[in-house]
């Protein structure tokens, strides 16, 4: 009689998810705290570099947990299906449309004007005038009208460098966590993963990241924004059957976001630009369309 090795003992699914999230949250904010203690600031150009590094932590932790903690195959656990489809293209082209609509809504608000000089860019992000001038100079170096330059920059960087950072987050939110919660249904999965995604950011927003003038109110706005954006992320994840599509969507949104911030004079960090009430209004319309399509899909499955 040969003795077979005992199968590995894995914690209960709920416990695995809790340990994964707690570990990811703690590691992320240990890194951000160390950065701040070393004199770092969320109101300088270093923000972009540091933020991109931070974005990789959830994905790296998802890879670790998928390899050693979760019993299912890694590709299935993380949603790593590498065959492109039309939803990858949709994920690439949707963010510029969302940004243009957000820019339009921002310009409808009282006291805002279109500003192709990008003169208020530093103040809008809480950067120094020198940092704002450097950002504006980088955009002008493309020798295109500012609107076209930001669009081109975002479309080039979005599915390449932007998608790397996007995948760093999405392996966790629309990868591992999506796999854990999608059996609850589209909307419950979206609510849970969107909430965990938002909460992961809160120590940063409370320090003024993204909302330099109103860190506390900005944190509340960010939570609403994340919950409004989450249905689109889940929808793309489900339709593409791959975490790569939401990673492209996430990355391209990040690389086109300056389009909504740099070209508006007036307004504020709660109302104008992506991640504010203007983008929430745009995403609310998108969510209604998604609700109609999800309901239609459910009816087809029932019939």
C-alpha atoms as a PDB file:
ATOM      1  CA  UNK A   1       0.000   0.000   0.000  1.00  0.00           C
ATOM      2  CA  UNK A   2       1.449   3.331  -1.078  1.00  0.00           C
ATOM      3  CA  UNK A   3       0.722   6.451   0.826  1.00  0.00           C
ATOM      4  CA  UNK A   4      -0.384   9.354  -1.330  1.00  0.00           C
ATOM      5  CA  UNK A   5       0.583  12.813  -0.207  1.00  0.00           C
ATOM      6  CA  UNK A   6      -2.283  14.659   1.401  1.00  0.00           C
ATOM      7  CA  UNK A   7      -3.809  17.363  -0.814  1.00  0.00           C
ATOM      8  CA  UNK A   8      -2.868  20.910   0.171  1.00  0.00           C
ATOM      9  CA  UNK A   9      -5.167  22.491   2.697  1.00  0.00           C
ATOM     10  CA  UNK A  10      -6.533  25.820   1.492  1.00  0.00           C
ATOM     11  CA  UNK A  11      -8.352  28.324   3.686  1.00  0.00           C
ATOM     12  CA  UNK A  12     -12.057  28.817   3.059  1.00  0.00           C
ATOM     13  CA  UNK A  13     -12.783  31.037  -0.001  1.00  0.00           C
ATOM     14  CA  UNK A  14     -14.038  33.949   2.081  1.00  0.00           C
ATOM     15  CA  UNK A  15     -10.989  33.803   4.310  1.00  0.00           C
ATOM     16  CA  UNK A  16      -8.630  33.691   1.318  1.00  0.00           C
ATOM     17  CA  UNK A  17     -10.243  36.804  -0.138  1.00  0.00           C
ATOM     18  CA  UNK A  18     -10.097  38.621   3.208  1.00  0.00           C
ATOM     19  CA  UNK A  19      -6.419  37.758   3.694  1.00  0.00           C
ATOM     20  CA  UNK A  20      -5.625  38.772   0.123  1.00  0.00           C
ATOM     21  CA  UNK A  21      -7.328  42.149   0.454  1.00  0.00           C
ATOM     22  CA  UNK A  22      -5.926  42.916   3.895  1.00  0.00           C
ATOM     23  CA  UNK A  23      -2.405  42.028   2.756  1.00  0.00           C
ATOM     24  CA  UNK A  24      -2.705  44.090  -0.427  1.00  0.00           C
ATOM     25  CA  UNK A  25      -4.118  47.083   1.451  1.00  0.00           C
ATOM     26  CA  UNK A  26      -1.451  46.935   4.172  1.00  0.00           C
ATOM     27  CA  UNK A  27       1.460  46.549   1.752  1.00  0.00           C
ATOM     28  CA  UNK A  28       0.218  49.330  -0.521  1.00  0.00           C
ATOM     29  CA  UNK A  29      -0.128  51.860   2.231  1.00  0.00           C
ATOM     30  CA  UNK A  30       3.075  50.838   3.949  1.00  0.00           C
ATOM     31  CA  UNK A  31       4.798  51.791   0.684  1.00  0.00           C
ATOM     32  CA  UNK A  32       2.902  55.070   0.387  1.00  0.00           C
ATOM     33  CA  UNK A  33       3.624  55.932   4.030  1.00  0.00           C
ATOM     34  CA  UNK A  34       7.324  55.270   3.509  1.00  0.00           C
ATOM     35  CA  UNK A  35       7.211  57.539   0.457  1.00  0.00           C
ATOM     36  CA  UNK A  36       5.609  60.341   2.452  1.00  0.00           C
ATOM     37  CA  UNK A  37       8.033  59.917   5.357  1.00  0.00           C
ATOM     38  CA  UNK A  38      10.899  60.305   2.900  1.00  0.00           C
ATOM     39  CA  UNK A  39       9.521  63.703   1.931  1.00  0.00           C
ATOM     40  CA  UNK A  40       7.355  62.617  -0.997  1.00  0.00           C
ATOM     41  CA  UNK A  41       4.263  64.576  -1.985  1.00  0.00           C
ATOM     42  CA  UNK A  42       1.088  63.875  -3.954  1.00  0.00           C
ATOM     43  CA  UNK A  43       1.328  67.427  -5.321  1.00  0.00           C
ATOM     44  CA  UNK A  44       4.330  67.109  -7.603  1.00  0.00           C
ATOM     45  CA  UNK A  45       5.201  65.470 -10.905  1.00  0.00           C
ATOM     46  CA  UNK A  46       6.668  62.563  -8.927  1.00  0.00           C
ATOM     47  CA  UNK A  47       3.058  61.635  -8.217  1.00  0.00           C
ATOM     48  CA  UNK A  48       2.669  60.053 -11.663  1.00  0.00           C
ATOM     49  CA  UNK A  49       5.714  57.832 -11.292  1.00  0.00           C
ATOM     50  CA  UNK A  50       4.939  56.779  -7.729  1.00  0.00           C
ATOM     51  CA  UNK A  51       1.259  56.176  -8.517  1.00  0.00           C
ATOM     52  CA  UNK A  52       2.177  53.891 -11.421  1.00  0.00           C
ATOM     53  CA  UNK A  53       4.422  51.899  -9.106  1.00  0.00           C
ATOM     54  CA  UNK A  54       1.690  51.630  -6.483  1.00  0.00           C
ATOM     55  CA  UNK A  55      -0.740  50.369  -9.124  1.00  0.00           C
ATOM     56  CA  UNK A  56       1.396  47.259  -9.587  1.00  0.00           C
ATOM     57  CA  UNK A  57       1.034  46.088  -5.978  1.00  0.00           C
ATOM     58  CA  UNK A  58      -2.517  44.622  -6.169  1.00  0.00           C
ATOM     59  CA  UNK A  59      -1.634  42.705  -9.324  1.00  0.00           C
ATOM     60  CA  UNK A  60       1.595  41.333  -7.868  1.00  0.00           C
ATOM     61  CA  UNK A  61      -0.269  40.206  -4.761  1.00  0.00           C
ATOM     62  CA  UNK A  62      -2.945  38.605  -6.951  1.00  0.00           C
ATOM     63  CA  UNK A  63      -0.237  36.668  -8.783  1.00  0.00           C
ATOM     64  CA  UNK A  64       1.245  35.495  -5.474  1.00  0.00           C
ATOM     65  CA  UNK A  65      -2.102  34.378  -4.070  1.00  0.00           C
ATOM     66  CA  UNK A  66      -3.151  32.716  -7.323  1.00  0.00           C
ATOM     67  CA  UNK A  67       0.101  30.765  -7.335  1.00  0.00           C
ATOM     68  CA  UNK A  68       0.306  29.622  -3.721  1.00  0.00           C
ATOM     69  CA  UNK A  69      -3.052  30.166  -1.998  1.00  0.00           C
ATOM     70  CA  UNK A  70      -5.878  29.596  -4.469  1.00  0.00           C
ATOM     71  CA  UNK A  71      -6.284  26.010  -5.713  1.00  0.00           C
ATOM     72  CA  UNK A  72      -7.666  26.826  -9.181  1.00  0.00           C
ATOM     73  CA  UNK A  73      -5.410  27.316 -12.238  1.00  0.00           C
ATOM     74  CA  UNK A  74      -3.816  30.765 -12.267  1.00  0.00           C
ATOM     75  CA  UNK A  75      -5.128  31.762 -15.698  1.00  0.00           C
ATOM     76  CA  UNK A  76      -8.700  30.996 -14.673  1.00  0.00           C
ATOM     77  CA  UNK A  77      -8.343  32.621 -11.237  1.00  0.00           C
ATOM     78  CA  UNK A  78      -6.996  35.858 -12.706  1.00  0.00           C
ATOM     79  CA  UNK A  79      -8.948  35.928 -15.974  1.00  0.00           C
ATOM     80  CA  UNK A  80      -5.763  35.874 -18.038  1.00  0.00           C
ATOM     81  CA  UNK A  81      -7.156  35.039 -21.441  1.00  0.00           C
ATOM     82  CA  UNK A  82      -4.753  36.459 -24.005  1.00  0.00           C
ATOM     83  CA  UNK A  83      -6.749  36.069 -27.225  1.00  0.00           C
ATOM     84  CA  UNK A  84      -7.762  39.571 -28.457  1.00  0.00           C
ATOM     85  CA  UNK A  85     -11.355  40.285 -29.410  1.00  0.00           C
ATOM     86  CA  UNK A  86     -13.461  43.302 -30.310  1.00  0.00           C
ATOM     87  CA  UNK A  87     -13.906  44.230 -26.645  1.00  0.00           C
ATOM     88  CA  UNK A  88     -10.202  44.962 -26.392  1.00  0.00           C
ATOM     89  CA  UNK A  89     -10.746  47.543 -29.130  1.00  0.00           C
ATOM     90  CA  UNK A  90     -13.784  48.905 -27.301  1.00  0.00           C
ATOM     91  CA  UNK A  91     -11.727  49.171 -24.097  1.00  0.00           C
ATOM     92  CA  UNK A  92      -9.119  51.190 -25.989  1.00  0.00           C
ATOM     93  CA  UNK A  93     -11.504  53.614 -27.696  1.00  0.00           C
ATOM     94  CA  UNK A  94     -14.091  54.127 -24.947  1.00  0.00           C
ATOM     95  CA  UNK A  95     -11.921  56.232 -22.563  1.00  0.00           C
ATOM     96  CA  UNK A  96     -11.260  59.080 -25.036  1.00  0.00           C
ATOM     97  CA  UNK A  97     -15.014  59.299 -25.633  1.00  0.00           C
ATOM     98  CA  UNK A  98     -15.668  59.367 -21.894  1.00  0.00           C
ATOM     99  CA  UNK A  99     -13.024  62.064 -21.425  1.00  0.00           C
ATOM    100  CA  UNK A 100     -14.431  64.246 -24.202  1.00  0.00           C
ATOM    101  CA  UNK A 101     -17.926  63.951 -22.719  1.00  0.00           C
ATOM    102  CA  UNK A 102     -16.561  64.784 -19.273  1.00  0.00           C
ATOM    103  CA  UNK A 103     -14.768  67.807 -20.723  1.00  0.00           C
ATOM    104  CA  UNK A 104     -18.027  68.927 -22.339  1.00  0.00           C
ATOM    105  CA  UNK A 105     -19.981  68.564 -19.077  1.00  0.00           C
ATOM    106  CA  UNK A 106     -17.246  70.417 -17.179  1.00  0.00           C
ATOM    107  CA  UNK A 107     -17.462  73.316 -19.614  1.00  0.00           C
ATOM    108  CA  UNK A 108     -21.220  73.558 -19.051  1.00  0.00           C
ATOM    109  CA  UNK A 109     -20.671  74.419 -15.385  1.00  0.00           C
ATOM    110  CA  UNK A 110     -20.842  78.101 -14.347  1.00  0.00           C
ATOM    111  CA  UNK A 111     -17.485  79.823 -14.147  1.00  0.00           C
ATOM    112  CA  UNK A 112     -15.615  77.428 -16.433  1.00  0.00           C
ATOM    113  CA  UNK A 113     -14.045  78.181 -19.805  1.00  0.00           C
ATOM    114  CA  UNK A 114     -12.052  76.238 -22.372  1.00  0.00           C
ATOM    115  CA  UNK A 115      -8.360  77.046 -21.932  1.00  0.00           C
ATOM    116  CA  UNK A 116      -6.035  75.737 -24.666  1.00  0.00           C
ATOM    117  CA  UNK A 117      -3.057  77.412 -22.946  1.00  0.00           C
ATOM    118  CA  UNK A 118      -3.290  74.942 -20.039  1.00  0.00           C
ATOM    119  CA  UNK A 119      -2.385  77.812 -17.740  1.00  0.00           C
ATOM    120  CA  UNK A 120      -4.264  76.487 -14.718  1.00  0.00           C
ATOM    121  CA  UNK A 121      -2.955  72.927 -14.906  1.00  0.00           C
ATOM    122  CA  UNK A 122      -0.596  73.180 -11.944  1.00  0.00           C
ATOM    123  CA  UNK A 123      -3.165  74.755  -9.659  1.00  0.00           C
ATOM    124  CA  UNK A 124      -5.842  72.202 -10.628  1.00  0.00           C
ATOM    125  CA  UNK A 125      -3.633  69.294  -9.561  1.00  0.00           C
ATOM    126  CA  UNK A 126      -2.083  71.073  -6.601  1.00  0.00           C
ATOM    127  CA  UNK A 127       1.281  71.184  -8.387  1.00  0.00           C
ATOM    128  CA  UNK A 128       3.711  74.068  -8.299  1.00  0.00           C
ATOM    129  CA  UNK A 129       3.653  76.544 -11.179  1.00  0.00           C
ATOM    130  CA  UNK A 130       6.929  75.036 -12.416  1.00  0.00           C
ATOM    131  CA  UNK A 131       5.467  71.503 -12.482  1.00  0.00           C
ATOM    132  CA  UNK A 132       2.378  72.749 -14.250  1.00  0.00           C
ATOM    133  CA  UNK A 133       4.518  74.538 -16.817  1.00  0.00           C
ATOM    134  CA  UNK A 134       6.547  71.366 -17.413  1.00  0.00           C
ATOM    135  CA  UNK A 135       3.393  69.331 -18.023  1.00  0.00           C
ATOM    136  CA  UNK A 136       2.096  71.950 -20.426  1.00  0.00           C
ATOM    137  CA  UNK A 137       5.457  72.047 -22.242  1.00  0.00           C
ATOM    138  CA  UNK A 138       5.428  68.263 -22.651  1.00  0.00           C
ATOM    139  CA  UNK A 139       1.972  68.432 -24.213  1.00  0.00           C
ATOM    140  CA  UNK A 140       2.989  71.259 -26.558  1.00  0.00           C
ATOM    141  CA  UNK A 141       6.065  69.297 -27.682  1.00  0.00           C
ATOM    142  CA  UNK A 142       3.798  67.148 -29.855  1.00  0.00           C
ATOM    143  CA  UNK A 143       3.198  70.235 -32.057  1.00  0.00           C
ATOM    144  CA  UNK A 144      -0.528  69.507 -32.184  1.00  0.00           C
ATOM    145  CA  UNK A 145      -3.514  71.417 -30.860  1.00  0.00           C
ATOM    146  CA  UNK A 146      -3.789  70.559 -27.156  1.00  0.00           C
ATOM    147  CA  UNK A 147      -7.003  68.544 -27.558  1.00  0.00           C
ATOM    148  CA  UNK A 148      -5.539  66.435 -30.375  1.00  0.00           C
ATOM    149  CA  UNK A 149      -2.233  66.075 -28.529  1.00  0.00           C
ATOM    150  CA  UNK A 150      -3.833  64.689 -25.380  1.00  0.00           C
ATOM    151  CA  UNK A 151      -5.973  62.302 -27.417  1.00  0.00           C
ATOM    152  CA  UNK A 152      -2.989  61.021 -29.400  1.00  0.00           C
ATOM    153  CA  UNK A 153      -0.876  60.657 -26.272  1.00  0.00           C
ATOM    154  CA  UNK A 154      -3.603  58.687 -24.524  1.00  0.00           C
ATOM    155  CA  UNK A 155      -4.310  56.400 -27.466  1.00  0.00           C
ATOM    156  CA  UNK A 156      -0.626  55.555 -27.855  1.00  0.00           C
ATOM    157  CA  UNK A 157       0.219  55.107 -24.185  1.00  0.00           C
ATOM    158  CA  UNK A 158      -3.092  53.605 -23.069  1.00  0.00           C
ATOM    159  CA  UNK A 159      -2.785  50.048 -24.445  1.00  0.00           C
ATOM    160  CA  UNK A 160       0.982  49.985 -23.880  1.00  0.00           C
ATOM    161  CA  UNK A 161       2.518  51.610 -20.784  1.00  0.00           C
ATOM    162  CA  UNK A 162      -0.881  52.540 -19.380  1.00  0.00           C
ATOM    163  CA  UNK A 163      -2.153  48.986 -19.662  1.00  0.00           C
ATOM    164  CA  UNK A 164       0.812  47.727 -17.624  1.00  0.00           C
ATOM    165  CA  UNK A 165      -0.291  49.852 -14.672  1.00  0.00           C
ATOM    166  CA  UNK A 166      -3.922  49.048 -15.433  1.00  0.00           C
ATOM    167  CA  UNK A 167      -3.190  45.329 -15.349  1.00  0.00           C
ATOM    168  CA  UNK A 168      -1.354  45.857 -12.073  1.00  0.00           C
ATOM    169  CA  UNK A 169      -4.672  46.824 -10.507  1.00  0.00           C
ATOM    170  CA  UNK A 170      -7.097  44.834 -12.615  1.00  0.00           C
ATOM    171  CA  UNK A 171      -5.490  41.455 -11.889  1.00  0.00           C
ATOM    172  CA  UNK A 172      -6.883  42.080  -8.409  1.00  0.00           C
ATOM    173  CA  UNK A 173     -10.220  43.871  -8.925  1.00  0.00           C
ATOM    174  CA  UNK A 174     -11.504  42.438 -12.206  1.00  0.00           C
ATOM    175  CA  UNK A 175      -9.283  39.368 -12.012  1.00  0.00           C
ATOM    176  CA  UNK A 176      -9.074  37.517  -8.715  1.00  0.00           C
ATOM    177  CA  UNK A 177     -11.959  39.321  -6.962  1.00  0.00           C
ATOM    178  CA  UNK A 178     -14.181  39.174 -10.045  1.00  0.00           C
ATOM    179  CA  UNK A 179     -13.672  35.415 -10.178  1.00  0.00           C
ATOM    180  CA  UNK A 180     -14.621  35.145  -6.508  1.00  0.00           C
ATOM    181  CA  UNK A 181     -17.817  37.203  -6.712  1.00  0.00           C
ATOM    182  CA  UNK A 182     -19.249  36.892 -10.239  1.00  0.00           C
ATOM    183  CA  UNK A 183     -21.391  33.922  -9.147  1.00  0.00           C
ATOM    184  CA  UNK A 184     -23.349  36.452  -7.066  1.00  0.00           C
ATOM    185  CA  UNK A 185     -24.564  38.084 -10.273  1.00  0.00           C
ATOM    186  CA  UNK A 186     -23.409  41.059 -12.315  1.00  0.00           C
ATOM    187  CA  UNK A 187     -24.590  43.865 -10.041  1.00  0.00           C
ATOM    188  CA  UNK A 188     -23.609  42.318  -6.714  1.00  0.00           C
ATOM    189  CA  UNK A 189     -20.182  41.471  -8.088  1.00  0.00           C
ATOM    190  CA  UNK A 190     -19.828  45.012  -9.399  1.00  0.00           C
ATOM    191  CA  UNK A 191     -20.859  46.546  -6.069  1.00  0.00           C
ATOM    192  CA  UNK A 192     -18.444  44.419  -4.033  1.00  0.00           C
ATOM    193  CA  UNK A 193     -15.435  44.713  -6.347  1.00  0.00           C
ATOM    194  CA  UNK A 194     -16.108  48.405  -6.960  1.00  0.00           C
ATOM    195  CA  UNK A 195     -16.334  49.078  -3.218  1.00  0.00           C
ATOM    196  CA  UNK A 196     -13.093  47.222  -2.486  1.00  0.00           C
ATOM    197  CA  UNK A 197     -11.419  49.084  -5.349  1.00  0.00           C
ATOM    198  CA  UNK A 198     -12.583  52.416  -3.915  1.00  0.00           C
ATOM    199  CA  UNK A 199     -11.618  51.611  -0.314  1.00  0.00           C
ATOM    200  CA  UNK A 200      -8.102  50.649  -1.417  1.00  0.00           C
ATOM    201  CA  UNK A 201      -7.613  54.276  -2.576  1.00  0.00           C
ATOM    202  CA  UNK A 202      -9.003  56.034   0.498  1.00  0.00           C
ATOM    203  CA  UNK A 203      -5.763  56.659   2.421  1.00  0.00           C
ATOM    204  CA  UNK A 204      -4.452  58.395  -0.706  1.00  0.00           C
ATOM    205  CA  UNK A 205      -7.495  60.570  -1.379  1.00  0.00           C
ATOM    206  CA  UNK A 206      -7.675  61.568   2.295  1.00  0.00           C
ATOM    207  CA  UNK A 207      -4.122  62.885   1.892  1.00  0.00           C
ATOM    208  CA  UNK A 208      -5.284  65.037  -1.032  1.00  0.00           C
ATOM    209  CA  UNK A 209      -4.364  62.730  -3.918  1.00  0.00           C
ATOM    210  CA  UNK A 210      -6.553  63.923  -6.792  1.00  0.00           C
ATOM    211  CA  UNK A 211      -8.412  66.388  -4.558  1.00  0.00           C
ATOM    212  CA  UNK A 212      -5.819  68.841  -3.238  1.00  0.00           C
ATOM    213  CA  UNK A 213      -8.350  71.496  -2.194  1.00  0.00           C
ATOM    214  CA  UNK A 214     -10.981  69.201  -0.624  1.00  0.00           C
ATOM    215  CA  UNK A 215      -9.449  65.921   0.568  1.00  0.00           C
ATOM    216  CA  UNK A 216     -12.406  64.826   2.743  1.00  0.00           C
ATOM    217  CA  UNK A 217     -15.219  65.791   0.368  1.00  0.00           C
ATOM    218  CA  UNK A 218     -13.035  64.590  -2.492  1.00  0.00           C
ATOM    219  CA  UNK A 219     -12.823  61.164  -0.876  1.00  0.00           C
ATOM    220  CA  UNK A 220     -16.632  60.952  -0.826  1.00  0.00           C
ATOM    221  CA  UNK A 221     -16.774  62.030  -4.475  1.00  0.00           C
ATOM    222  CA  UNK A 222     -14.140  59.447  -5.360  1.00  0.00           C
ATOM    223  CA  UNK A 223     -16.151  56.624  -3.788  1.00  0.00           C
ATOM    224  CA  UNK A 224     -19.215  57.595  -5.847  1.00  0.00           C
ATOM    225  CA  UNK A 225     -17.046  57.885  -8.966  1.00  0.00           C
ATOM    226  CA  UNK A 226     -15.483  54.445  -8.424  1.00  0.00           C
ATOM    227  CA  UNK A 227     -18.891  52.846  -7.933  1.00  0.00           C
ATOM    228  CA  UNK A 228     -20.159  54.591 -11.076  1.00  0.00           C
ATOM    229  CA  UNK A 229     -17.132  53.433 -13.104  1.00  0.00           C
ATOM    230  CA  UNK A 230     -17.214  49.844 -11.796  1.00  0.00           C
ATOM    231  CA  UNK A 231     -20.195  48.650 -13.927  1.00  0.00           C
ATOM    232  CA  UNK A 232     -18.355  49.546 -17.138  1.00  0.00           C
ATOM    233  CA  UNK A 233     -15.236  47.751 -15.924  1.00  0.00           C
ATOM    234  CA  UNK A 234     -17.214  44.625 -15.024  1.00  0.00           C
ATOM    235  CA  UNK A 235     -19.202  44.781 -18.251  1.00  0.00           C
ATOM    236  CA  UNK A 236     -16.034  44.888 -20.356  1.00  0.00           C
ATOM    237  CA  UNK A 237     -14.511  42.097 -18.254  1.00  0.00           C
ATOM    238  CA  UNK A 238     -17.547  39.855 -18.818  1.00  0.00           C
ATOM    239  CA  UNK A 239     -17.925  40.571 -22.515  1.00  0.00           C
ATOM    240  CA  UNK A 240     -14.209  40.175 -23.273  1.00  0.00           C
ATOM    241  CA  UNK A 241     -13.912  37.135 -20.970  1.00  0.00           C
ATOM    242  CA  UNK A 242     -10.487  38.460 -20.065  1.00  0.00           C
ATOM    243  CA  UNK A 243      -8.926  40.787 -17.511  1.00  0.00           C
ATOM    244  CA  UNK A 244      -6.825  42.314 -20.295  1.00  0.00           C
ATOM    245  CA  UNK A 245      -9.764  44.368 -21.590  1.00  0.00           C
ATOM    246  CA  UNK A 246     -10.450  46.223 -18.309  1.00  0.00           C
ATOM    247  CA  UNK A 247      -6.691  46.694 -17.949  1.00  0.00           C
ATOM    248  CA  UNK A 248      -6.643  48.469 -21.328  1.00  0.00           C
ATOM    249  CA  UNK A 249      -9.705  50.498 -20.335  1.00  0.00           C
ATOM    250  CA  UNK A 250      -8.122  51.457 -17.019  1.00  0.00           C
ATOM    251  CA  UNK A 251      -4.758  52.297 -18.570  1.00  0.00           C
ATOM    252  CA  UNK A 252      -6.205  54.369 -21.402  1.00  0.00           C
ATOM    253  CA  UNK A 253      -8.429  56.275 -18.985  1.00  0.00           C
ATOM    254  CA  UNK A 254      -5.359  57.141 -16.921  1.00  0.00           C
ATOM    255  CA  UNK A 255      -3.378  58.313 -19.949  1.00  0.00           C
ATOM    256  CA  UNK A 256      -6.189  60.494 -21.345  1.00  0.00           C
ATOM    257  CA  UNK A 257      -7.282  62.006 -18.020  1.00  0.00           C
ATOM    258  CA  UNK A 258      -5.295  65.232 -18.488  1.00  0.00           C
ATOM    259  CA  UNK A 259      -7.614  66.072 -21.354  1.00  0.00           C
ATOM    260  CA  UNK A 260     -10.352  66.720 -18.777  1.00  0.00           C
ATOM    261  CA  UNK A 261      -8.110  68.678 -16.394  1.00  0.00           C
ATOM    262  CA  UNK A 262      -5.698  70.724 -18.471  1.00  0.00           C
ATOM    263  CA  UNK A 263      -8.148  72.353 -20.849  1.00  0.00           C
ATOM    264  CA  UNK A 264     -10.591  73.795 -18.324  1.00  0.00           C
ATOM    265  CA  UNK A 265     -10.078  77.055 -16.451  1.00  0.00           C
ATOM    266  CA  UNK A 266     -12.276  77.528 -13.429  1.00  0.00           C
ATOM    267  CA  UNK A 267     -14.294  74.897 -11.638  1.00  0.00           C
ATOM    268  CA  UNK A 268     -12.607  72.830  -8.958  1.00  0.00           C
ATOM    269  CA  UNK A 269     -11.338  69.450  -7.881  1.00  0.00           C
ATOM    270  CA  UNK A 270     -14.857  68.249  -6.988  1.00  0.00           C
ATOM    271  CA  UNK A 271     -16.684  69.340 -10.122  1.00  0.00           C
ATOM    272  CA  UNK A 272     -14.512  69.528 -13.239  1.00  0.00           C
ATOM    273  CA  UNK A 273     -12.509  66.710 -14.740  1.00  0.00           C
ATOM    274  CA  UNK A 274     -12.381  62.948 -14.508  1.00  0.00           C
ATOM    275  CA  UNK A 275     -13.102  61.554 -11.049  1.00  0.00           C
ATOM    276  CA  UNK A 276     -15.458  64.429 -10.191  1.00  0.00           C
ATOM    277  CA  UNK A 277     -19.169  65.132 -10.434  1.00  0.00           C
ATOM    278  CA  UNK A 278     -18.803  65.840 -14.173  1.00  0.00           C
ATOM    279  CA  UNK A 279     -17.519  62.333 -14.883  1.00  0.00           C
ATOM    280  CA  UNK A 280     -20.073  60.816 -12.499  1.00  0.00           C
ATOM    281  CA  UNK A 281     -22.821  62.390 -14.618  1.00  0.00           C
ATOM    282  CA  UNK A 282     -21.320  60.860 -17.770  1.00  0.00           C
ATOM    283  CA  UNK A 283     -20.881  57.449 -16.136  1.00  0.00           C
ATOM    284  CA  UNK A 284     -24.447  57.505 -14.823  1.00  0.00           C
ATOM    285  CA  UNK A 285     -25.705  57.586 -18.422  1.00  0.00           C
ATOM    286  CA  UNK A 286     -23.318  54.772 -19.341  1.00  0.00           C
ATOM    287  CA  UNK A 287     -24.553  52.718 -16.380  1.00  0.00           C
ATOM    288  CA  UNK A 288     -28.161  53.080 -17.505  1.00  0.00           C
ATOM    289  CA  UNK A 289     -27.186  51.711 -20.926  1.00  0.00           C
ATOM    290  CA  UNK A 290     -25.314  48.843 -19.265  1.00  0.00           C
ATOM    291  CA  UNK A 291     -28.336  48.066 -17.082  1.00  0.00           C
ATOM    292  CA  UNK A 292     -30.505  47.784 -20.191  1.00  0.00           C
ATOM    293  CA  UNK A 293     -28.030  45.429 -21.879  1.00  0.00           C
ATOM    294  CA  UNK A 294     -27.541  43.274 -18.792  1.00  0.00           C
ATOM    295  CA  UNK A 295     -31.291  42.965 -18.333  1.00  0.00           C
ATOM    296  CA  UNK A 296     -31.666  42.016 -21.990  1.00  0.00           C
ATOM    297  CA  UNK A 297     -29.013  39.334 -21.597  1.00  0.00           C
ATOM    298  CA  UNK A 298     -30.785  37.932 -18.534  1.00  0.00           C
ATOM    299  CA  UNK A 299     -34.072  37.745 -20.446  1.00  0.00           C
ATOM    300  CA  UNK A 300     -32.377  35.865 -23.269  1.00  0.00           C
ATOM    301  CA  UNK A 301     -30.904  33.337 -20.835  1.00  0.00           C
ATOM    302  CA  UNK A 302     -34.326  32.787 -19.202  1.00  0.00           C
ATOM    303  CA  UNK A 303     -36.081  32.345 -22.535  1.00  0.00           C
END
